Amino acid sequence: MKLRKEIENTIREAREDRANAALAICVLLEEKLGLSQTGWFDDDPLALQAIAEWKASAIPQQQE
């Protein structure tokens, strides 16, 4: 799926909760582009926490 469509779906799933949509998009960008490795989220503790939670939940799925 194209990144734009994935972002659209993420926004739609947030159901008008802008803060939740923004965090979900940050996690999506991390998943697709690895932006935290170059410091894009260094000044955003909420995004870093959401990314850490996503990574923790993704690890068991990769081991199956």
PDB file of N, CA and C in Angstrom:
ATOM      1  N   MET A   1       0.851  -1.180   0.000  1.00  0.00           N
ATOM      2  CA  MET A   1       0.000   0.000   0.000  1.00  0.00           C
ATOM      3  C   MET A   1       0.893   1.239   0.000  1.00  0.00           C
ATOM      4  N   LYS A   2       0.502   2.215  -0.729  1.00  0.00           N
ATOM      5  CA  LYS A   2       1.255   3.461  -0.790  1.00  0.00           C
ATOM      6  C   LYS A   2       1.221   4.169   0.560  1.00  0.00           C
ATOM      7  N   LEU A   3       2.295   4.868   0.878  1.00  0.00           N
ATOM      8  CA  LEU A   3       2.407   5.557   2.156  1.00  0.00           C
ATOM      9  C   LEU A   3       1.266   6.550   2.359  1.00  0.00           C
ATOM     10  N   ARG A   4       0.898   7.292   1.333  1.00  0.00           N
ATOM     11  CA  ARG A   4      -0.186   8.271   1.457  1.00  0.00           C
ATOM     12  C   ARG A   4      -1.477   7.595   1.880  1.00  0.00           C
ATOM     13  N   LYS A   5      -1.791   6.459   1.285  1.00  0.00           N
ATOM     14  CA  LYS A   5      -3.008   5.725   1.640  1.00  0.00           C
ATOM     15  C   LYS A   5      -2.934   5.213   3.078  1.00  0.00           C
ATOM     16  N   GLU A   6      -1.764   4.768   3.501  1.00  0.00           N
ATOM     17  CA  GLU A   6      -1.616   4.304   4.876  1.00  0.00           C
ATOM     18  C   GLU A   6      -1.813   5.451   5.860  1.00  0.00           C
ATOM     19  N   ILE A   7      -1.328   6.638   5.510  1.00  0.00           N
ATOM     20  CA  ILE A   7      -1.542   7.813   6.357  1.00  0.00           C
ATOM     21  C   ILE A   7      -3.020   8.160   6.400  1.00  0.00           C
ATOM     22  N   GLU A   8      -3.696   8.120   5.253  1.00  0.00           N
ATOM     23  CA  GLU A   8      -5.143   8.386   5.217  1.00  0.00           C
ATOM     24  C   GLU A   8      -5.893   7.414   6.124  1.00  0.00           C
ATOM     25  N   ASN A   9      -5.554   6.132   6.043  1.00  0.00           N
ATOM     26  CA  ASN A   9      -6.209   5.126   6.885  1.00  0.00           C
ATOM     27  C   ASN A   9      -5.935   5.380   8.366  1.00  0.00           C
ATOM     28  N   THR A  10      -4.721   5.777   8.681  1.00  0.00           N
ATOM     29  CA  THR A  10      -4.356   6.069  10.066  1.00  0.00           C
ATOM     30  C   THR A  10      -5.176   7.229  10.607  1.00  0.00           C
ATOM     31  N   ILE A  11      -5.334   8.264   9.803  1.00  0.00           N
ATOM     32  CA  ILE A  11      -6.139   9.422  10.213  1.00  0.00           C
ATOM     33  C   ILE A  11      -7.592   9.014  10.394  1.00  0.00           C
ATOM     34  N   ARG A  12      -8.108   8.249   9.461  1.00  0.00           N
ATOM     35  CA  ARG A  12      -9.501   7.797   9.536  1.00  0.00           C
ATOM     36  C   ARG A  12      -9.729   6.971  10.803  1.00  0.00           C
ATOM     37  N   GLU A  13      -8.805   6.089  11.125  1.00  0.00           N
ATOM     38  CA  GLU A  13      -8.934   5.233  12.302  1.00  0.00           C
ATOM     39  C   GLU A  13      -8.885   6.030  13.604  1.00  0.00           C
ATOM     40  N   ALA A  14      -8.271   7.207  13.587  1.00  0.00           N
ATOM     41  CA  ALA A  14      -8.173   8.031  14.798  1.00  0.00           C
ATOM     42  C   ALA A  14      -9.501   8.688  15.149  1.00  0.00           C
ATOM     43  N   ARG A  15     -10.430   8.718  14.221  1.00  0.00           N
ATOM     44  CA  ARG A  15     -11.783   9.248  14.461  1.00  0.00           C
ATOM     45  C   ARG A  15     -11.769  10.632  15.100  1.00  0.00           C
ATOM     46  N   GLU A  16     -11.166  11.576  14.422  1.00  0.00           N
ATOM     47  CA  GLU A  16     -11.145  12.992  14.807  1.00  0.00           C
ATOM     48  C   GLU A  16     -10.312  13.292  16.051  1.00  0.00           C
ATOM     49  N   ASP A  17      -9.567  12.334  16.552  1.00  0.00           N
ATOM     50  CA  ASP A  17      -8.657  12.581  17.670  1.00  0.00           C
ATOM     51  C   ASP A  17      -7.301  12.967  17.071  1.00  0.00           C
ATOM     52  N   ARG A  18      -7.072  14.256  16.952  1.00  0.00           N
ATOM     53  CA  ARG A  18      -5.871  14.745  16.261  1.00  0.00           C
ATOM     54  C   ARG A  18      -4.581  14.293  16.927  1.00  0.00           C
ATOM     55  N   ALA A  19      -4.550  14.320  18.247  1.00  0.00           N
ATOM     56  CA  ALA A  19      -3.336  13.916  18.958  1.00  0.00           C
ATOM     57  C   ALA A  19      -3.028  12.441  18.712  1.00  0.00           C
ATOM     58  N   ASN A  20      -4.056  11.604  18.751  1.00  0.00           N
ATOM     59  CA  ASN A  20      -3.877  10.178  18.498  1.00  0.00           C
ATOM     60  C   ASN A  20      -3.455   9.939  17.049  1.00  0.00           C
ATOM     61  N   ALA A  21      -4.050  10.671  16.127  1.00  0.00           N
ATOM     62  CA  ALA A  21      -3.684  10.540  14.714  1.00  0.00           C
ATOM     63  C   ALA A  21      -2.228  10.932  14.499  1.00  0.00           C
ATOM     64  N   ALA A  22      -1.800  12.017  15.131  1.00  0.00           N
ATOM     65  CA  ALA A  22      -0.419  12.469  14.978  1.00  0.00           C
ATOM     66  C   ALA A  22       0.563  11.422  15.500  1.00  0.00           C
ATOM     67  N   LEU A  23       0.273  10.852  16.667  1.00  0.00           N
ATOM     68  CA  LEU A  23       1.149   9.808  17.210  1.00  0.00           C
ATOM     69  C   LEU A  23       1.163   8.579  16.307  1.00  0.00           C
ATOM     70  N   ALA A  24       0.000   8.195  15.814  1.00  0.00           N
ATOM     71  CA  ALA A  24      -0.076   7.026  14.935  1.00  0.00           C
ATOM     72  C   ALA A  24       0.705   7.260  13.643  1.00  0.00           C
ATOM     73  N   ILE A  25       0.669   8.471  13.126  1.00  0.00           N
ATOM     74  CA  ILE A  25       1.431   8.787  11.912  1.00  0.00           C
ATOM     75  C   ILE A  25       2.927   8.753  12.210  1.00  0.00           C
ATOM     76  N   CYS A  26       3.338   9.255  13.374  1.00  0.00           N
ATOM     77  CA  CYS A  26       4.751   9.173  13.753  1.00  0.00           C
ATOM     78  C   CYS A  26       5.216   7.721  13.804  1.00  0.00           C
ATOM     79  N   VAL A  27       4.398   6.860  14.381  1.00  0.00           N
ATOM     80  CA  VAL A  27       4.745   5.434  14.453  1.00  0.00           C
ATOM     81  C   VAL A  27       4.803   4.835  13.048  1.00  0.00           C
ATOM     82  N   LEU A  28       3.857   5.190  12.206  1.00  0.00           N
ATOM     83  CA  LEU A  28       3.857   4.698  10.828  1.00  0.00           C
ATOM     84  C   LEU A  28       5.122   5.141  10.095  1.00  0.00           C
ATOM     85  N   LEU A  29       5.500   6.407  10.257  1.00  0.00           N
ATOM     86  CA  LEU A  29       6.716   6.907   9.612  1.00  0.00           C
ATOM     87  C   LEU A  29       7.958   6.208  10.156  1.00  0.00           C
ATOM     88  N   GLU A  30       7.952   5.911  11.440  1.00  0.00           N
ATOM     89  CA  GLU A  30       9.066   5.157  12.016  1.00  0.00           C
ATOM     90  C   GLU A  30       9.126   3.756  11.414  1.00  0.00           C
ATOM     91  N   GLU A  31       7.965   3.122  11.315  1.00  0.00           N
ATOM     92  CA  GLU A  31       7.901   1.769  10.753  1.00  0.00           C
ATOM     93  C   GLU A  31       8.414   1.743   9.317  1.00  0.00           C
ATOM     94  N   LYS A  32       8.011   2.714   8.525  1.00  0.00           N
ATOM     95  CA  LYS A  32       8.352   2.712   7.099  1.00  0.00           C
ATOM     96  C   LYS A  32       9.720   3.319   6.800  1.00  0.00           C
ATOM     97  N   LEU A  33      10.105   4.371   7.562  1.00  0.00           N
ATOM     98  CA  LEU A  33      11.296   5.135   7.199  1.00  0.00           C
ATOM     99  C   LEU A  33      12.391   5.159   8.264  1.00  0.00           C
ATOM    100  N   GLY A  34      12.086   4.671   9.470  1.00  0.00           N
ATOM    101  CA  GLY A  34      13.088   4.657  10.537  1.00  0.00           C
ATOM    102  C   GLY A  34      13.587   6.040  10.932  1.00  0.00           C
ATOM    103  N   LEU A  35      12.685   7.005  11.027  1.00  0.00           N
ATOM    104  CA  LEU A  35      13.084   8.389  11.275  1.00  0.00           C
ATOM    105  C   LEU A  35      13.724   8.617  12.639  1.00  0.00           C
ATOM    106  N   SER A  36      13.429   7.786  13.622  1.00  0.00           N
ATOM    107  CA  SER A  36      14.010   8.016  14.951  1.00  0.00           C
ATOM    108  C   SER A  36      15.522   7.799  14.944  1.00  0.00           C
ATOM    109  N   GLN A  37      16.011   7.013  14.014  1.00  0.00           N
ATOM    110  CA  GLN A  37      17.449   6.753  13.933  1.00  0.00           C
ATOM    111  C   GLN A  37      18.238   8.003  13.582  1.00  0.00           C
ATOM    112  N   THR A  38      17.583   8.966  12.964  1.00  0.00           N
ATOM    113  CA  THR A  38      18.260  10.212  12.592  1.00  0.00           C
ATOM    114  C   THR A  38      17.793  11.389  13.434  1.00  0.00           C
ATOM    115  N   GLY A  39      17.116  11.098  14.553  1.00  0.00           N
ATOM    116  CA  GLY A  39      16.787  12.132  15.513  1.00  0.00           C
ATOM    117  C   GLY A  39      15.510  12.910  15.299  1.00  0.00           C
ATOM    118  N   TRP A  40      14.663  12.492  14.396  1.00  0.00           N
ATOM    119  CA  TRP A  40      13.446  13.243  14.092  1.00  0.00           C
ATOM    120  C   TRP A  40      12.503  13.361  15.280  1.00  0.00           C
ATOM    121  N   PHE A  41      12.530  12.427  16.206  1.00  0.00           N
ATOM    122  CA  PHE A  41      11.599  12.437  17.334  1.00  0.00           C
ATOM    123  C   PHE A  41      12.290  12.704  18.670  1.00  0.00           C
ATOM    124  N   ASP A  42      13.539  13.110  18.644  1.00  0.00           N
ATOM    125  CA  ASP A  42      14.315  13.276  19.874  1.00  0.00           C
ATOM    126  C   ASP A  42      13.680  14.238  20.875  1.00  0.00           C
ATOM    127  N   ASP A  43      12.989  15.254  20.410  1.00  0.00           N
ATOM    128  CA  ASP A  43      12.397  16.247  21.315  1.00  0.00           C
ATOM    129  C   ASP A  43      10.914  15.978  21.580  1.00  0.00           C
ATOM    130  N   ASP A  44      10.456  14.768  21.287  1.00  0.00           N
ATOM    131  CA  ASP A  44       9.040  14.433  21.456  1.00  0.00           C
ATOM    132  C   ASP A  44       8.899  13.145  22.273  1.00  0.00           C
ATOM    133  N   PRO A  45       8.842  13.280  23.607  1.00  0.00           N
ATOM    134  CA  PRO A  45       8.778  12.074  24.436  1.00  0.00           C
ATOM    135  C   PRO A  45       7.539  11.218  24.187  1.00  0.00           C
ATOM    136  N   LEU A  46       6.411  11.828  23.839  1.00  0.00           N
ATOM    137  CA  LEU A  46       5.208  11.030  23.559  1.00  0.00           C
ATOM    138  C   LEU A  46       5.390  10.177  22.307  1.00  0.00           C
ATOM    139  N   ALA A  47       5.985  10.755  21.276  1.00  0.00           N
ATOM    140  CA  ALA A  47       6.235   9.988  20.054  1.00  0.00           C
ATOM    141  C   ALA A  47       7.239   8.873  20.330  1.00  0.00           C
ATOM    142  N   LEU A  48       8.283   9.181  21.089  1.00  0.00           N
ATOM    143  CA  LEU A  48       9.272   8.151  21.419  1.00  0.00           C
ATOM    144  C   LEU A  48       8.644   7.010  22.207  1.00  0.00           C
ATOM    145  N   GLN A  49       7.747   7.341  23.122  1.00  0.00           N
ATOM    146  CA  GLN A  49       7.059   6.301  23.897  1.00  0.00           C
ATOM    147  C   GLN A  49       6.172   5.453  22.991  1.00  0.00           C
ATOM    148  N   ALA A  50       5.426   6.096  22.093  1.00  0.00           N
ATOM    149  CA  ALA A  50       4.557   5.359  21.171  1.00  0.00           C
ATOM    150  C   ALA A  50       5.385   4.455  20.258  1.00  0.00           C
ATOM    151  N   ILE A  51       6.526   4.947  19.811  1.00  0.00           N
ATOM    152  CA  ILE A  51       7.412   4.151  18.952  1.00  0.00           C
ATOM    153  C   ILE A  51       7.975   2.963  19.736  1.00  0.00           C
ATOM    154  N   ALA A  52       8.376   3.202  20.977  1.00  0.00           N
ATOM    155  CA  ALA A  52       8.899   2.112  21.810  1.00  0.00           C
ATOM    156  C   ALA A  52       7.833   1.046  22.038  1.00  0.00           C
ATOM    157  N   GLU A  53       6.601   1.474  22.279  1.00  0.00           N
ATOM    158  CA  GLU A  53       5.501   0.515  22.464  1.00  0.00           C
ATOM    159  C   GLU A  53       5.243  -0.269  21.182  1.00  0.00           C
ATOM    160  N   TRP A  54       5.306   0.413  20.040  1.00  0.00           N
ATOM    161  CA  TRP A  54       5.115  -0.275  18.761  1.00  0.00           C
ATOM    162  C   TRP A  54       6.231  -1.304  18.547  1.00  0.00           C
ATOM    163  N   LYS A  55       7.470  -0.901  18.821  1.00  0.00           N
ATOM    164  CA  LYS A  55       8.590  -1.831  18.643  1.00  0.00           C
ATOM    165  C   LYS A  55       8.450  -3.041  19.562  1.00  0.00           C
ATOM    166  N   ALA A  56       8.033  -2.808  20.798  1.00  0.00           N
ATOM    167  CA  ALA A  56       7.862  -3.912  21.746  1.00  0.00           C
ATOM    168  C   ALA A  56       6.772  -4.872  21.285  1.00  0.00           C
ATOM    169  N   SER A  57       5.722  -4.337  20.690  1.00  0.00           N
ATOM    170  CA  SER A  57       4.640  -5.209  20.218  1.00  0.00           C
ATOM    171  C   SER A  57       4.991  -5.879  18.897  1.00  0.00           C
ATOM    172  N   ALA A  58       5.895  -5.301  18.129  1.00  0.00           N
ATOM    173  CA  ALA A  58       6.266  -5.863  16.828  1.00  0.00           C
ATOM    174  C   ALA A  58       7.252  -7.016  16.977  1.00  0.00           C
ATOM    175  N   ILE A  59       8.047  -7.021  18.011  1.00  0.00           N
ATOM    176  CA  ILE A  59       9.070  -8.057  18.195  1.00  0.00           C
ATOM    177  C   ILE A  59       8.463  -9.450  18.308  1.00  0.00           C
ATOM    178  N   PRO A  60       7.440  -9.685  19.151  1.00  0.00           N
ATOM    179  CA  PRO A  60       6.864 -11.038  19.216  1.00  0.00           C
ATOM    180  C   PRO A  60       6.274 -11.499  17.885  1.00  0.00           C
ATOM    181  N   GLN A  61       5.722 -10.589  17.113  1.00  0.00           N
ATOM    182  CA  GLN A  61       5.135 -10.959  15.827  1.00  0.00           C
ATOM    183  C   GLN A  61       6.211 -11.416  14.858  1.00  0.00           C
ATOM    184  N   GLN A  62       7.400 -10.811  14.924  1.00  0.00           N
ATOM    185  CA  GLN A  62       8.478 -11.179  14.019  1.00  0.00           C
ATOM    186  C   GLN A  62       9.059 -12.542  14.369  1.00  0.00           C
ATOM    187  N   GLN A  63       8.976 -12.949  15.632  1.00  0.00           N
ATOM    188  CA  GLN A  63       9.554 -14.210  16.063  1.00  0.00           C
ATOM    189  C   GLN A  63       8.673 -15.401  15.736  1.00  0.00           C
ATOM    190  N   GLU A  64       7.402 -15.179  15.449  1.00  0.00           N
ATOM    191  CA  GLU A  64       6.474 -16.284  15.170  1.00  0.00           C
ATOM    192  C   GLU A  64       6.752 -16.937  13.845  1.00  0.00           C
TER     193      GLU A  64
END
